[in-house]
Amino acid sequence: MFCIKCGTNNSDEAVYCNKCGGRLEQEEETRIAARSRPEVAENGPIFSITPTMLFVKLGYALAVIAAFALVAVFSFFLPGVHWIFAIGFGLLMLLVPAFYHFRQKLIRYTLTDATIEIDRGLVSRTTQNVPLRRVQDVTVSSTLLQRIFRFGDIHIDNASDEAGKVVLKNIDSPRKYADILLKQMRQLER
């Protein structure tokens, strides 16, 4: 049986946690109430975000401008080329921002009551869960370009053996989400 306060694994017969001393069994009233009502799912996510789409949108705009310029160049300087080929080459310019758009949509950062979930992938999906009780530090960093456009990275140091740092990259309003994360960590400590 795991302690809900500190996460320590205790024996199933234990009444109090070996590490923090918290009570492991539910009070009698809580057990009776839990039996009388149906199983309730965990609360929904506190927030669920993806990396910023600012540069993807900028890429689409530049690709459209470049496509028009390419069609114009084909029509004025290479009049022997059929206009369908010129438009086809212009549309191919949209593949570059479409690739980055697709890649950005494959990443989702979710904060729940007790964990940070990082989902990556489409066909082969990877979900990394970082328990909030293991988070030691939350840092927001922004390069000059990120500061101009008001997005940045959130660095989360955790106390796990394998991955010591998790980075939520290119988040719009990173301080807002870091504050929400810190607030949720404080609520778990109570």
Protein backbone atom coordinates (compact mmCIF):
# COMPACT_ATOMS: atom_id res chain seq x y z
CA MET A 1 0.00 0.00 0.00
CA PHE A 2 1.42 3.38 -1.04
CA CYS A 3 1.17 6.45 1.18
CA ILE A 4 -0.78 9.22 -0.57
CA LYS A 5 1.28 11.91 1.18
CA CYS A 6 4.86 10.82 0.51
CA GLY A 7 4.51 7.87 -1.89
CA THR A 8 6.38 5.36 0.28
CA ASN A 9 5.50 1.70 -0.26
CA ASN A 10 4.26 0.17 3.01
CA SER A 11 3.04 -3.31 3.89
CA ASP A 12 -0.66 -3.99 3.31
CA GLU A 13 -1.26 -4.47 7.05
CA ALA A 14 0.29 -1.11 8.03
CA VAL A 15 -2.01 1.53 9.48
CA TYR A 16 0.54 4.38 9.46
CA CYS A 17 3.24 5.24 6.90
CA ASN A 18 6.76 4.11 7.84
CA LYS A 19 8.30 7.31 6.47
CA CYS A 20 5.94 10.23 7.21
CA GLY A 21 3.65 8.70 9.83
CA GLY A 22 0.45 9.57 7.93
CA ARG A 23 -2.61 7.35 8.37
CA LEU A 24 -2.91 4.79 5.55
CA GLU A 25 -6.44 3.49 6.16
CA GLN A 26 -9.45 5.60 5.37
CA GLU A 27 -11.69 6.72 8.20
CA GLU A 28 -14.83 4.60 8.72
CA GLU A 29 -17.18 7.33 7.44
CA THR A 30 -15.14 7.71 4.26
CA ARG A 31 -15.19 3.94 3.64
CA ILE A 32 -18.97 3.79 4.09
CA ALA A 33 -19.48 6.80 1.78
CA ALA A 34 -17.16 5.29 -0.82
CA ARG A 35 -19.16 2.02 -0.83
CA SER A 36 -22.49 3.83 -1.24
CA ARG A 37 -21.53 5.94 -4.27
CA PRO A 38 -20.28 4.72 -7.65
CA GLU A 39 -16.61 4.89 -8.54
CA VAL A 40 -15.70 8.46 -9.50
CA ALA A 41 -12.96 9.05 -12.03
CA GLU A 42 -10.01 11.30 -11.29
CA ASN A 43 -10.63 14.99 -11.88
CA GLY A 44 -9.84 16.25 -15.35
CA PRO A 45 -6.57 17.89 -16.22
CA ILE A 46 -5.69 21.22 -14.65
CA PHE A 47 -4.18 22.30 -17.95
CA SER A 48 -3.31 20.63 -21.23
CA ILE A 49 -1.10 22.57 -23.64
CA THR A 50 0.95 22.12 -26.80
CA PRO A 51 4.04 24.03 -27.93
CA THR A 52 3.39 27.43 -29.50
CA MET A 53 2.12 27.52 -33.07
CA LEU A 54 3.45 31.06 -33.70
CA PHE A 55 6.33 30.02 -35.95
CA VAL A 56 4.19 27.49 -37.78
CA LYS A 57 1.69 30.22 -38.65
CA LEU A 58 4.55 32.49 -39.69
CA GLY A 59 5.90 29.65 -41.82
CA TYR A 60 2.55 29.23 -43.56
CA ALA A 61 2.43 32.96 -44.34
CA LEU A 62 5.97 32.94 -45.74
CA ALA A 63 5.25 29.79 -47.77
CA VAL A 64 2.17 31.40 -49.34
CA ILE A 65 4.17 34.53 -50.23
CA ALA A 66 6.98 32.36 -51.64
CA ALA A 67 4.43 30.30 -53.62
CA PHE A 68 2.97 33.43 -55.22
CA ALA A 69 6.48 34.68 -56.02
CA LEU A 70 7.38 31.30 -57.53
CA VAL A 71 4.26 31.27 -59.72
CA ALA A 72 5.05 34.83 -60.83
CA VAL A 73 8.65 33.91 -61.69
CA PHE A 74 7.50 30.87 -63.66
CA SER A 75 4.90 32.84 -65.59
CA PHE A 76 7.13 35.84 -66.45
CA PHE A 77 10.55 34.29 -66.96
CA LEU A 78 9.63 30.79 -68.12
CA PRO A 79 6.55 31.26 -70.30
CA GLY A 80 6.96 27.79 -71.85
CA VAL A 81 6.16 26.07 -68.52
CA HIS A 82 2.48 25.25 -68.11
CA TRP A 83 0.76 27.17 -65.27
CA ILE A 84 -0.33 23.92 -63.54
CA PHE A 85 3.33 23.02 -62.89
CA ALA A 86 4.01 26.49 -61.49
CA ILE A 87 1.05 26.21 -59.10
CA GLY A 88 2.13 22.65 -58.17
CA PHE A 89 5.61 23.86 -57.24
CA GLY A 90 4.04 26.72 -55.30
CA LEU A 91 1.85 24.31 -53.32
CA LEU A 92 4.89 22.18 -52.52
CA MET A 93 6.23 25.18 -50.59
CA LEU A 94 3.42 24.60 -48.06
CA LEU A 95 4.80 21.17 -47.17
CA VAL A 96 7.56 22.64 -45.01
CA PRO A 97 5.30 24.48 -42.53
CA ALA A 98 2.81 21.58 -42.70
CA PHE A 99 5.56 19.23 -41.50
CA TYR A 100 6.36 21.48 -38.52
CA HIS A 101 2.64 21.94 -37.79
CA PHE A 102 2.16 18.19 -37.69
CA ARG A 103 5.26 17.74 -35.53
CA GLN A 104 4.09 20.37 -33.00
CA LYS A 105 0.65 18.74 -32.71
CA LEU A 106 2.24 15.42 -31.72
CA ILE A 107 3.37 16.83 -28.36
CA ARG A 108 1.00 17.56 -25.47
CA TYR A 109 1.84 18.59 -21.90
CA THR A 110 -0.84 17.87 -19.30
CA LEU A 111 -0.93 18.68 -15.59
CA THR A 112 -3.29 16.52 -13.52
CA ASP A 113 -3.87 16.47 -9.77
CA ALA A 114 -0.77 14.41 -9.08
CA THR A 115 1.37 14.17 -12.24
CA ILE A 116 2.77 15.97 -15.26
CA GLU A 117 2.13 13.92 -18.40
CA ILE A 118 4.15 14.43 -21.58
CA ASP A 119 2.61 12.70 -24.60
CA ARG A 120 4.62 12.33 -27.81
CA GLY A 121 4.00 10.54 -31.08
CA LEU A 122 1.21 9.49 -33.40
CA VAL A 123 1.44 5.80 -34.24
CA SER A 124 4.01 4.94 -31.61
CA ARG A 125 2.82 6.98 -28.63
CA THR A 126 5.05 7.65 -25.62
CA THR A 127 3.70 9.04 -22.36
CA GLN A 128 6.10 10.20 -19.68
CA ASN A 129 4.62 10.72 -16.22
CA VAL A 130 6.40 12.82 -13.62
CA PRO A 131 4.79 12.61 -10.16
CA LEU A 132 4.44 16.08 -8.64
CA ARG A 133 5.70 14.83 -5.28
CA ARG A 134 9.08 14.17 -6.96
CA VAL A 135 9.44 17.61 -8.56
CA GLN A 136 12.22 19.54 -6.87
CA ASP A 137 12.50 22.70 -8.96
CA VAL A 138 10.57 24.55 -11.66
CA THR A 139 12.49 27.08 -13.78
CA VAL A 140 11.28 29.27 -16.65
CA SER A 141 13.82 30.25 -19.29
CA SER A 142 13.47 32.32 -22.45
CA THR A 143 15.91 33.31 -25.14
CA LEU A 144 15.77 36.84 -26.54
CA LEU A 145 13.57 35.74 -29.44
CA GLN A 146 11.28 33.84 -27.08
CA ARG A 147 10.96 36.88 -24.81
CA ILE A 148 10.00 39.10 -27.75
CA PHE A 149 7.18 36.73 -28.72
CA ARG A 150 6.24 35.90 -25.08
CA PHE A 151 6.92 32.20 -24.93
CA GLY A 152 9.62 30.09 -23.34
CA ASP A 153 10.64 26.79 -21.81
CA ILE A 154 9.70 25.33 -18.44
CA HIS A 155 12.47 23.19 -16.89
CA ILE A 156 11.29 20.71 -14.27
CA ASP A 157 13.90 19.01 -12.08
CA ASN A 158 12.67 15.78 -10.55
CA ALA A 159 14.13 13.31 -8.10
CA SER A 160 13.94 10.23 -10.28
CA ASP A 161 16.84 7.89 -10.94
CA GLU A 162 16.65 8.01 -14.74
CA ALA A 163 15.50 11.42 -15.97
CA GLY A 164 16.61 14.28 -13.80
CA LYS A 165 15.15 17.07 -15.91
CA VAL A 166 12.07 17.44 -18.08
CA VAL A 167 11.69 20.41 -20.42
CA LEU A 168 8.34 21.71 -21.66
CA LYS A 169 9.55 23.51 -24.79
CA ASN A 170 8.14 26.61 -26.49
CA ILE A 171 5.16 27.25 -24.20
CA ASP A 172 3.04 30.39 -24.60
CA SER A 173 2.96 32.33 -21.29
CA PRO A 174 5.38 29.97 -19.51
CA ARG A 175 5.29 31.85 -16.19
CA LYS A 176 1.53 31.42 -15.97
CA TYR A 177 1.81 27.64 -16.36
CA ALA A 178 4.82 27.42 -14.03
CA ASP A 179 2.81 29.26 -11.36
CA ILE A 180 -0.11 26.85 -11.81
CA LEU A 181 2.31 23.93 -11.49
CA LEU A 182 3.86 25.35 -8.31
CA LYS A 183 0.41 26.01 -6.84
CA GLN A 184 -0.60 22.41 -7.49
CA MET A 185 2.64 21.18 -5.87
CA ARG A 186 1.87 23.27 -2.76
CA GLN A 187 -1.64 21.79 -2.57
CA LEU A 188 -0.20 18.26 -2.67
CA GLU A 189 2.14 19.04 0.23
CA ARG A 190 -0.78 19.88 2.52
